[in-house]
Structures are given as structure tokens and as C-alpha cells.
């Protein structure tokens, strides 16, 4: 175990962050999957609605430092492009 109290504190903090980060990443994956499912089901209007919520979830993950800002931009961009393409049909 840690020898110094500051090392113990850092370890506790890292465990808390690990739990939080895992939860946020899981939420992002679920939200993205929901959009993709709506797209595969040819339900474009529903996909547009879900995309708004999903982009918000992804942005929050980026603001908390769980995802890199360029990763956030890439994910939102790709989802938006897919939804736009589906609504054009």
C-alpha cells in the first residue's frame, strides 16, 4: 500500500475518477447505440430527436475530461453526418 498520506489520497481520487469515467463512457456508448439503432430501423425523425440528446451527452463527457475534445467533435460529426444522410433519402 501507499507509504505517504498524499499517495493514499491520490489513490482514492483515482478510484473515484475511474468509477465516474466508466459510467460516463458507458452512457456515451449507449446513447450512440440508440442513434444507430434508430437509423438502422429507418426512423429518421426519431434519430434526429435522439441525436440532440446524444450530442449533449457526448459534449458533457468532453467537458468533464473523460473524452478528448477532438474525439467529441469526431463522434458528433459522424453521427450528424449519418443522420443527415438518412433524412435526405
PDB file of N, CA and C in Angstrom:
ATOM      1  N   UNK A   1       0.842  -1.190   0.000  1.00  0.00           N
ATOM      2  CA  UNK A   1       0.000   0.000   0.000  1.00  0.00           C
ATOM      3  C   UNK A   1       0.877   1.239   0.000  1.00  0.00           C
ATOM      4  N   UNK A   2       0.271   2.384  -0.034  1.00  0.00           N
ATOM      5  CA  UNK A   2       0.986   3.652  -0.095  1.00  0.00           C
ATOM      6  C   UNK A   2       1.672   3.948   1.225  1.00  0.00           C
ATOM      7  N   UNK A   3       2.796   4.610   1.111  1.00  0.00           N
ATOM      8  CA  UNK A   3       3.521   4.950   2.328  1.00  0.00           C
ATOM      9  C   UNK A   3       3.116   6.319   2.850  1.00  0.00           C
ATOM     10  N   UNK A   4       2.876   7.251   1.954  1.00  0.00           N
ATOM     11  CA  UNK A   4       2.542   8.603   2.398  1.00  0.00           C
ATOM     12  C   UNK A   4       1.037   8.831   2.325  1.00  0.00           C
ATOM     13  N   UNK A   5       0.579   9.770   3.136  1.00  0.00           N
ATOM     14  CA  UNK A   5      -0.854  10.060   3.153  1.00  0.00           C
ATOM     15  C   UNK A   5      -1.296  10.706   1.841  1.00  0.00           C
ATOM     16  N   UNK A   6      -0.421  11.485   1.226  1.00  0.00           N
ATOM     17  CA  UNK A   6      -0.784  12.121  -0.044  1.00  0.00           C
ATOM     18  C   UNK A   6      -0.936  11.078  -1.152  1.00  0.00           C
ATOM     19  N   UNK A   7      -0.103  10.029  -1.095  1.00  0.00           N
ATOM     20  CA  UNK A   7      -0.219   8.957  -2.086  1.00  0.00           C
ATOM     21  C   UNK A   7      -1.518   8.182  -1.890  1.00  0.00           C
ATOM     22  N   UNK A   8      -1.906   7.986  -0.633  1.00  0.00           N
ATOM     23  CA  UNK A   8      -3.182   7.314  -0.345  1.00  0.00           C
ATOM     24  C   UNK A   8      -4.346   8.134  -0.886  1.00  0.00           C
ATOM     25  N   UNK A   9      -4.270   9.450  -0.684  1.00  0.00           N
ATOM     26  CA  UNK A   9      -5.336  10.336  -1.157  1.00  0.00           C
ATOM     27  C   UNK A   9      -5.431  10.284  -2.686  1.00  0.00           C
ATOM     28  N   UNK A  10      -4.300  10.342  -3.362  1.00  0.00           N
ATOM     29  CA  UNK A  10      -4.298  10.293  -4.823  1.00  0.00           C
ATOM     30  C   UNK A  10      -4.901   8.975  -5.324  1.00  0.00           C
ATOM     31  N   UNK A  11      -4.598   7.883  -4.598  1.00  0.00           N
ATOM     32  CA  UNK A  11      -5.139   6.584  -4.981  1.00  0.00           C
ATOM     33  C   UNK A  11      -6.660   6.576  -4.838  1.00  0.00           C
ATOM     34  N   UNK A  12      -7.158   7.108  -3.736  1.00  0.00           N
ATOM     35  CA  UNK A  12      -8.611   7.193  -3.528  1.00  0.00           C
ATOM     36  C   UNK A  12      -9.263   8.037  -4.614  1.00  0.00           C
ATOM     37  N   UNK A  13      -8.623   9.147  -4.969  1.00  0.00           N
ATOM     38  CA  UNK A  13      -9.161  10.018  -6.010  1.00  0.00           C
ATOM     39  C   UNK A  13      -9.200   9.301  -7.357  1.00  0.00           C
ATOM     40  N   UNK A  14      -8.143   8.543  -7.637  1.00  0.00           N
ATOM     41  CA  UNK A  14      -8.094   7.841  -8.925  1.00  0.00           C
ATOM     42  C   UNK A  14      -9.188   6.780  -9.008  1.00  0.00           C
ATOM     43  N   UNK A  15      -9.497   6.133  -7.890  1.00  0.00           N
ATOM     44  CA  UNK A  15     -10.565   5.131  -7.888  1.00  0.00           C
ATOM     45  C   UNK A  15     -11.924   5.788  -8.125  1.00  0.00           C
ATOM     46  N   UNK A  16     -12.157   6.947  -7.516  1.00  0.00           N
ATOM     47  CA  UNK A  16     -13.406   7.673  -7.710  1.00  0.00           C
ATOM     48  C   UNK A  16     -13.552   8.097  -9.174  1.00  0.00           C
ATOM     49  N   UNK A  17     -12.463   8.615  -9.738  1.00  0.00           N
ATOM     50  CA  UNK A  17     -12.492   9.051 -11.133  1.00  0.00           C
ATOM     51  C   UNK A  17     -12.721   7.875 -12.079  1.00  0.00           C
ATOM     52  N   UNK A  18     -12.109   6.744 -11.742  1.00  0.00           N
ATOM     53  CA  UNK A  18     -12.256   5.551 -12.570  1.00  0.00           C
ATOM     54  C   UNK A  18     -13.720   5.137 -12.652  1.00  0.00           C
ATOM     55  N   UNK A  19     -14.404   5.146 -11.526  1.00  0.00           N
ATOM     56  CA  UNK A  19     -15.824   4.789 -11.486  1.00  0.00           C
ATOM     57  C   UNK A  19     -16.648   5.790 -12.284  1.00  0.00           C
ATOM     58  N   UNK A  20     -16.381   7.086 -12.055  1.00  0.00           N
ATOM     59  CA  UNK A  20     -17.123   8.129 -12.762  1.00  0.00           C
ATOM     60  C   UNK A  20     -16.894   8.038 -14.266  1.00  0.00           C
ATOM     61  N   UNK A  21     -15.638   7.882 -14.674  1.00  0.00           N
ATOM     62  CA  UNK A  21     -15.304   7.820 -16.093  1.00  0.00           C
ATOM     63  C   UNK A  21     -15.947   6.619 -16.772  1.00  0.00           C
ATOM     64  N   UNK A  22     -15.958   5.482 -16.090  1.00  0.00           N
ATOM     65  CA  UNK A  22     -16.554   4.281 -16.649  1.00  0.00           C
ATOM     66  C   UNK A  22     -18.056   4.496 -16.877  1.00  0.00           C
ATOM     67  N   UNK A  23     -18.705   5.120 -15.914  1.00  0.00           N
ATOM     68  CA  UNK A  23     -20.137   5.393 -16.035  1.00  0.00           C
ATOM     69  C   UNK A  23     -20.414   6.330 -17.212  1.00  0.00           C
ATOM     70  N   UNK A  24     -19.629   7.373 -17.341  1.00  0.00           N
ATOM     71  CA  UNK A  24     -19.840   8.349 -18.414  1.00  0.00           C
ATOM     72  C   UNK A  24     -19.572   7.722 -19.777  1.00  0.00           C
ATOM     73  N   UNK A  25     -18.497   6.940 -19.892  1.00  0.00           N
ATOM     74  CA  UNK A  25     -18.195   6.274 -21.168  1.00  0.00           C
ATOM     75  C   UNK A  25     -19.307   5.306 -21.550  1.00  0.00           C
ATOM     76  N   UNK A  26     -19.843   4.600 -20.571  1.00  0.00           N
ATOM     77  CA  UNK A  26     -20.929   3.669 -20.823  1.00  0.00           C
ATOM     78  C   UNK A  26     -22.174   4.413 -21.302  1.00  0.00           C
ATOM     79  N   UNK A  27     -22.454   5.551 -20.680  1.00  0.00           N
ATOM     80  CA  UNK A  27     -23.608   6.366 -21.069  1.00  0.00           C
ATOM     81  C   UNK A  27     -23.456   6.861 -22.505  1.00  0.00           C
ATOM     82  N   UNK A  28     -22.253   7.275 -22.862  1.00  0.00           N
ATOM     83  CA  UNK A  28     -21.987   7.754 -24.227  1.00  0.00           C
ATOM     84  C   UNK A  28     -22.206   6.619 -25.228  1.00  0.00           C
ATOM     85  N   UNK A  29     -21.667   5.442 -24.915  1.00  0.00           N
ATOM     86  CA  UNK A  29     -21.817   4.305 -25.825  1.00  0.00           C
ATOM     87  C   UNK A  29     -23.287   3.940 -26.017  1.00  0.00           C
ATOM     88  N   UNK A  30     -24.047   3.968 -24.926  1.00  0.00           N
ATOM     89  CA  UNK A  30     -25.472   3.638 -25.012  1.00  0.00           C
ATOM     90  C   UNK A  30     -26.221   4.653 -25.866  1.00  0.00           C
ATOM     91  N   UNK A  31     -25.882   5.921 -25.689  1.00  0.00           N
ATOM     92  CA  UNK A  31     -26.547   6.985 -26.449  1.00  0.00           C
ATOM     93  C   UNK A  31     -26.238   6.856 -27.936  1.00  0.00           C
ATOM     94  N   UNK A  32     -24.989   6.585 -28.275  1.00  0.00           N
ATOM     95  CA  UNK A  32     -24.585   6.424 -29.675  1.00  0.00           C
ATOM     96  C   UNK A  32     -25.292   5.215 -30.278  1.00  0.00           C
ATOM     97  N   UNK A  33     -25.368   4.142 -29.503  1.00  0.00           N
ATOM     98  CA  UNK A  33     -26.028   2.932 -29.979  1.00  0.00           C
ATOM     99  C   UNK A  33     -27.511   3.196 -30.248  1.00  0.00           C
ATOM    100  N   UNK A  34     -28.127   4.016 -29.419  1.00  0.00           N
ATOM    101  CA  UNK A  34     -29.537   4.350 -29.598  1.00  0.00           C
ATOM    102  C   UNK A  34     -29.767   5.078 -30.926  1.00  0.00           C
ATOM    103  N   UNK A  35     -28.864   6.008 -31.262  1.00  0.00           N
ATOM    104  CA  UNK A  35     -28.977   6.730 -32.529  1.00  0.00           C
ATOM    105  C   UNK A  35     -28.790   5.763 -33.695  1.00  0.00           C
ATOM    106  N   UNK A  36     -27.777   4.924 -33.607  1.00  0.00           N
ATOM    107  CA  UNK A  36     -27.502   3.964 -34.686  1.00  0.00           C
ATOM    108  C   UNK A  36     -28.677   2.997 -34.879  1.00  0.00           C
ATOM    109  N   UNK A  37     -29.294   2.591 -33.781  1.00  0.00           N
ATOM    110  CA  UNK A  37     -30.449   1.693 -33.870  1.00  0.00           C
ATOM    111  C   UNK A  37     -31.609   2.378 -34.577  1.00  0.00           C
ATOM    112  N   UNK A  38     -31.838   3.646 -34.239  1.00  0.00           N
ATOM    113  CA  UNK A  38     -32.914   4.399 -34.893  1.00  0.00           C
ATOM    114  C   UNK A  38     -32.632   4.544 -36.390  1.00  0.00           C
ATOM    115  N   UNK A  39     -31.369   4.736 -36.737  1.00  0.00           N
ATOM    116  CA  UNK A  39     -31.007   4.864 -38.150  1.00  0.00           C
ATOM    117  C   UNK A  39     -31.192   3.542 -38.900  1.00  0.00           C
ATOM    118  N   UNK A  40     -30.803   2.444 -38.268  1.00  0.00           N
ATOM    119  CA  UNK A  40     -30.933   1.152 -38.940  1.00  0.00           C
ATOM    120  C   UNK A  40     -32.395   0.743 -39.084  1.00  0.00           C
ATOM    121  N   UNK A  41     -33.244   1.271 -38.207  1.00  0.00           N
ATOM    122  CA  UNK A  41     -34.662   0.981 -38.292  1.00  0.00           C
ATOM    123  C   UNK A  41     -35.399   1.917 -39.223  1.00  0.00           C
ATOM    124  N   UNK A  42     -34.677   2.712 -39.962  1.00  0.00           N
ATOM    125  CA  UNK A  42     -35.248   3.679 -40.914  1.00  0.00           C
ATOM    126  C   UNK A  42     -36.220   4.655 -40.257  1.00  0.00           C
ATOM    127  N   UNK A  43     -35.909   5.044 -39.024  1.00  0.00           N
ATOM    128  CA  UNK A  43     -36.743   6.003 -38.302  1.00  0.00           C
ATOM    129  C   UNK A  43     -35.968   7.315 -38.169  1.00  0.00           C
ATOM    130  N   UNK A  44     -35.855   8.039 -39.282  1.00  0.00           N
ATOM    131  CA  UNK A  44     -35.046   9.256 -39.335  1.00  0.00           C
ATOM    132  C   UNK A  44     -35.534  10.367 -38.401  1.00  0.00           C
ATOM    133  N   UNK A  45     -36.839  10.648 -38.318  1.00  0.00           N
ATOM    134  CA  UNK A  45     -37.283  11.714 -37.407  1.00  0.00           C
ATOM    135  C   UNK A  45     -36.925  11.429 -35.945  1.00  0.00           C
ATOM    136  N   UNK A  46     -37.055  10.154 -35.563  1.00  0.00           N
ATOM    137  CA  UNK A  46     -36.690   9.784 -34.190  1.00  0.00           C
ATOM    138  C   UNK A  46     -35.179   9.921 -33.992  1.00  0.00           C
ATOM    139  N   UNK A  47     -34.404   9.575 -35.016  1.00  0.00           N
ATOM    140  CA  UNK A  47     -32.951   9.676 -34.936  1.00  0.00           C
ATOM    141  C   UNK A  47     -32.512  11.122 -34.747  1.00  0.00           C
ATOM    142  N   UNK A  48     -33.216  12.055 -35.386  1.00  0.00           N
ATOM    143  CA  UNK A  48     -32.892  13.481 -35.240  1.00  0.00           C
ATOM    144  C   UNK A  48     -33.110  13.920 -33.790  1.00  0.00           C
ATOM    145  N   UNK A  49     -34.221  13.473 -33.203  1.00  0.00           N
ATOM    146  CA  UNK A  49     -34.515  13.815 -31.802  1.00  0.00           C
ATOM    147  C   UNK A  49     -33.457  13.236 -30.867  1.00  0.00           C
ATOM    148  N   UNK A  50     -33.129  11.976 -31.079  1.00  0.00           N
ATOM    149  CA  UNK A  50     -32.156  11.303 -30.220  1.00  0.00           C
ATOM    150  C   UNK A  50     -30.775  11.901 -30.403  1.00  0.00           C
ATOM    151  N   UNK A  51     -30.457  12.350 -31.610  1.00  0.00           N
ATOM    152  CA  UNK A  51     -29.149  12.945 -31.882  1.00  0.00           C
ATOM    153  C   UNK A  51     -28.912  14.175 -31.011  1.00  0.00           C
ATOM    154  N   UNK A  52     -29.950  14.985 -30.803  1.00  0.00           N
ATOM    155  CA  UNK A  52     -29.802  16.178 -29.968  1.00  0.00           C
ATOM    156  C   UNK A  52     -29.385  15.810 -28.555  1.00  0.00           C
ATOM    157  N   UNK A  53     -30.041  14.806 -27.995  1.00  0.00           N
ATOM    158  CA  UNK A  53     -29.715  14.353 -26.643  1.00  0.00           C
ATOM    159  C   UNK A  53     -28.323  13.725 -26.605  1.00  0.00           C
ATOM    160  N   UNK A  54     -28.026  12.931 -27.616  1.00  0.00           N
ATOM    161  CA  UNK A  54     -26.745  12.230 -27.664  1.00  0.00           C
ATOM    162  C   UNK A  54     -25.576  13.197 -27.784  1.00  0.00           C
ATOM    163  N   UNK A  55     -25.712  14.207 -28.619  1.00  0.00           N
ATOM    164  CA  UNK A  55     -24.618  15.170 -28.773  1.00  0.00           C
ATOM    165  C   UNK A  55     -24.381  15.914 -27.461  1.00  0.00           C
ATOM    166  N   UNK A  56     -25.437  16.133 -26.705  1.00  0.00           N
ATOM    167  CA  UNK A  56     -25.306  16.771 -25.395  1.00  0.00           C
ATOM    168  C   UNK A  56     -24.552  15.865 -24.423  1.00  0.00           C
ATOM    169  N   UNK A  57     -24.885  14.583 -24.440  1.00  0.00           N
ATOM    170  CA  UNK A  57     -24.212  13.612 -23.559  1.00  0.00           C
ATOM    171  C   UNK A  57     -22.731  13.534 -23.903  1.00  0.00           C
ATOM    172  N   UNK A  58     -22.432  13.501 -25.193  1.00  0.00           N
ATOM    173  CA  UNK A  58     -21.035  13.410 -25.639  1.00  0.00           C
ATOM    174  C   UNK A  58     -20.274  14.677 -25.250  1.00  0.00           C
ATOM    175  N   UNK A  59     -20.902  15.836 -25.417  1.00  0.00           N
ATOM    176  CA  UNK A  59     -20.255  17.105 -25.070  1.00  0.00           C
ATOM    177  C   UNK A  59     -19.959  17.181 -23.575  1.00  0.00           C
ATOM    178  N   UNK A  60     -20.895  16.692 -22.759  1.00  0.00           N
ATOM    179  CA  UNK A  60     -20.672  16.689 -21.310  1.00  0.00           C
ATOM    180  C   UNK A  60     -19.502  15.787 -20.941  1.00  0.00           C
ATOM    181  N   UNK A  61     -19.369  14.656 -21.629  1.00  0.00           N
ATOM    182  CA  UNK A  61     -18.247  13.753 -21.376  1.00  0.00           C
ATOM    183  C   UNK A  61     -16.934  14.459 -21.718  1.00  0.00           C
ATOM    184  N   UNK A  62     -16.951  15.262 -22.770  1.00  0.00           N
ATOM    185  CA  UNK A  62     -15.752  16.017 -23.141  1.00  0.00           C
ATOM    186  C   UNK A  62     -15.430  17.108 -22.142  1.00  0.00           C
ATOM    187  N   UNK A  63     -16.453  17.772 -21.623  1.00  0.00           N
ATOM    188  CA  UNK A  63     -16.213  18.868 -20.681  1.00  0.00           C
ATOM    189  C   UNK A  63     -15.681  18.352 -19.351  1.00  0.00           C
ATOM    190  N   UNK A  64     -16.002  17.109 -19.013  1.00  0.00           N
ATOM    191  CA  UNK A  64     -15.513  16.519 -17.769  1.00  0.00           C
ATOM    192  C   UNK A  64     -14.122  15.899 -17.927  1.00  0.00           C
ATOM    193  N   UNK A  65     -13.644  15.866 -19.162  1.00  0.00           N
ATOM    194  CA  UNK A  65     -12.308  15.336 -19.393  1.00  0.00           C
ATOM    195  C   UNK A  65     -12.277  13.833 -19.607  1.00  0.00           C
ATOM    196  N   UNK A  66     -13.433  13.222 -19.740  1.00  0.00           N
ATOM    197  CA  UNK A  66     -13.481  11.780 -19.970  1.00  0.00           C
ATOM    198  C   UNK A  66     -13.087  11.481 -21.413  1.00  0.00           C
ATOM    199  N   UNK A  67     -13.561  12.318 -22.334  1.00  0.00           N
ATOM    200  CA  UNK A  67     -13.199  12.201 -23.746  1.00  0.00           C
ATOM    201  C   UNK A  67     -12.428  13.448 -24.168  1.00  0.00           C
ATOM    202  N   UNK A  68     -11.512  13.270 -25.097  1.00  0.00           N
ATOM    203  CA  UNK A  68     -10.756  14.394 -25.632  1.00  0.00           C
ATOM    204  C   UNK A  68     -11.685  15.254 -26.489  1.00  0.00           C
ATOM    205  N   UNK A  69     -11.416  16.546 -26.565  1.00  0.00           N
ATOM    206  CA  UNK A  69     -12.320  17.443 -27.298  1.00  0.00           C
ATOM    207  C   UNK A  69     -12.403  17.098 -28.780  1.00  0.00           C
ATOM    208  N   UNK A  70     -11.325  16.599 -29.354  1.00  0.00           N
ATOM    209  CA  UNK A  70     -11.374  16.218 -30.767  1.00  0.00           C
ATOM    210  C   UNK A  70     -12.137  14.907 -30.958  1.00  0.00           C
ATOM    211  N   UNK A  71     -12.099  14.043 -29.968  1.00  0.00           N
ATOM    212  CA  UNK A  71     -12.886  12.817 -30.016  1.00  0.00           C
ATOM    213  C   UNK A  71     -14.365  13.165 -29.979  1.00  0.00           C
ATOM    214  N   UNK A  72     -14.706  14.130 -29.140  1.00  0.00           N
ATOM    215  CA  UNK A  72     -16.099  14.600 -29.047  1.00  0.00           C
ATOM    216  C   UNK A  72     -16.551  15.140 -30.398  1.00  0.00           C
ATOM    217  N   UNK A  73     -15.737  15.991 -30.988  1.00  0.00           N
ATOM    218  CA  UNK A  73     -16.086  16.594 -32.274  1.00  0.00           C
ATOM    219  C   UNK A  73     -16.253  15.533 -33.348  1.00  0.00           C
ATOM    220  N   UNK A  74     -15.371  14.548 -33.358  1.00  0.00           N
ATOM    221  CA  UNK A  74     -15.423  13.489 -34.364  1.00  0.00           C
ATOM    222  C   UNK A  74     -16.690  12.645 -34.212  1.00  0.00           C
ATOM    223  N   UNK A  75     -17.006  12.268 -32.972  1.00  0.00           N
ATOM    224  CA  UNK A  75     -18.197  11.446 -32.731  1.00  0.00           C
ATOM    225  C   UNK A  75     -19.475  12.182 -33.132  1.00  0.00           C
ATOM    226  N   UNK A  76     -19.592  13.425 -32.716  1.00  0.00           N
ATOM    227  CA  UNK A  76     -20.791  14.208 -33.041  1.00  0.00           C
ATOM    228  C   UNK A  76     -20.888  14.416 -34.548  1.00  0.00           C
ATOM    229  N   UNK A  77     -19.759  14.702 -35.174  1.00  0.00           N
ATOM    230  CA  UNK A  77     -19.742  14.933 -36.614  1.00  0.00           C
ATOM    231  C   UNK A  77     -20.186  13.693 -37.376  1.00  0.00           C
ATOM    232  N   UNK A  78     -19.676  12.548 -37.015  1.00  0.00           N
ATOM    233  CA  UNK A  78     -20.015  11.313 -37.726  1.00  0.00           C
ATOM    234  C   UNK A  78     -21.483  10.945 -37.534  1.00  0.00           C
ATOM    235  N   UNK A  79     -21.976  11.135 -36.310  1.00  0.00           N
ATOM    236  CA  UNK A  79     -23.394  10.845 -36.068  1.00  0.00           C
ATOM    237  C   UNK A  79     -24.284  11.809 -36.844  1.00  0.00           C
ATOM    238  N   UNK A  80     -23.926  13.091 -36.828  1.00  0.00           N
ATOM    239  CA  UNK A  80     -24.708  14.092 -37.539  1.00  0.00           C
ATOM    240  C   UNK A  80     -24.738  13.808 -39.041  1.00  0.00           C
ATOM    241  N   UNK A  81     -23.601  13.415 -39.558  1.00  0.00           N
ATOM    242  CA  UNK A  81     -23.491  13.096 -40.984  1.00  0.00           C
ATOM    243  C   UNK A  81     -24.387  11.902 -41.331  1.00  0.00           C
ATOM    244  N   UNK A  82     -24.379  10.895 -40.478  1.00  0.00           N
ATOM    245  CA  UNK A  82     -25.197   9.705 -40.727  1.00  0.00           C
ATOM    246  C   UNK A  82     -26.690  10.032 -40.657  1.00  0.00           C
ATOM    247  N   UNK A  83     -27.071  10.849 -39.687  1.00  0.00           N
ATOM    248  CA  UNK A  83     -28.478  11.222 -39.544  1.00  0.00           C
ATOM    249  C   UNK A  83     -28.913  12.095 -40.714  1.00  0.00           C
ATOM    250  N   UNK A  84     -28.055  13.011 -41.113  1.00  0.00           N
ATOM    251  CA  UNK A  84     -28.367  13.888 -42.248  1.00  0.00           C
ATOM    252  C   UNK A  84     -28.553  13.067 -43.532  1.00  0.00           C
ATOM    253  N   UNK A  85     -27.680  12.100 -43.709  1.00  0.00           N
ATOM    254  CA  UNK A  85     -27.754  11.240 -44.880  1.00  0.00           C
ATOM    255  C   UNK A  85     -29.058  10.442 -44.876  1.00  0.00           C
ATOM    256  N   UNK A  86     -29.481   9.980 -43.703  1.00  0.00           N
ATOM    257  CA  UNK A  86     -30.704   9.193 -43.597  1.00  0.00           C
ATOM    258  C   UNK A  86     -31.950  10.045 -43.843  1.00  0.00           C
ATOM    259  N   UNK A  87     -31.909  11.319 -43.448  1.00  0.00           N
ATOM    260  CA  UNK A  87     -33.065  12.183 -43.649  1.00  0.00           C
ATOM    261  C   UNK A  87     -33.188  12.635 -45.094  1.00  0.00           C
ATOM    262  N   UNK A  88     -32.081  12.604 -45.832  1.00  0.00           N
ATOM    263  CA  UNK A  88     -32.091  13.017 -47.247  1.00  0.00           C
ATOM    264  C   UNK A  88     -32.837  12.022 -48.127  1.00  0.00           C
ATOM    265  N   UNK A  89     -32.863  10.761 -47.725  1.00  0.00           N
ATOM    266  CA  UNK A  89     -33.442   9.705 -48.564  1.00  0.00           C
ATOM    267  C   UNK A  89     -34.918   9.871 -48.782  1.00  0.00           C
TER     268      UNK A  89
END
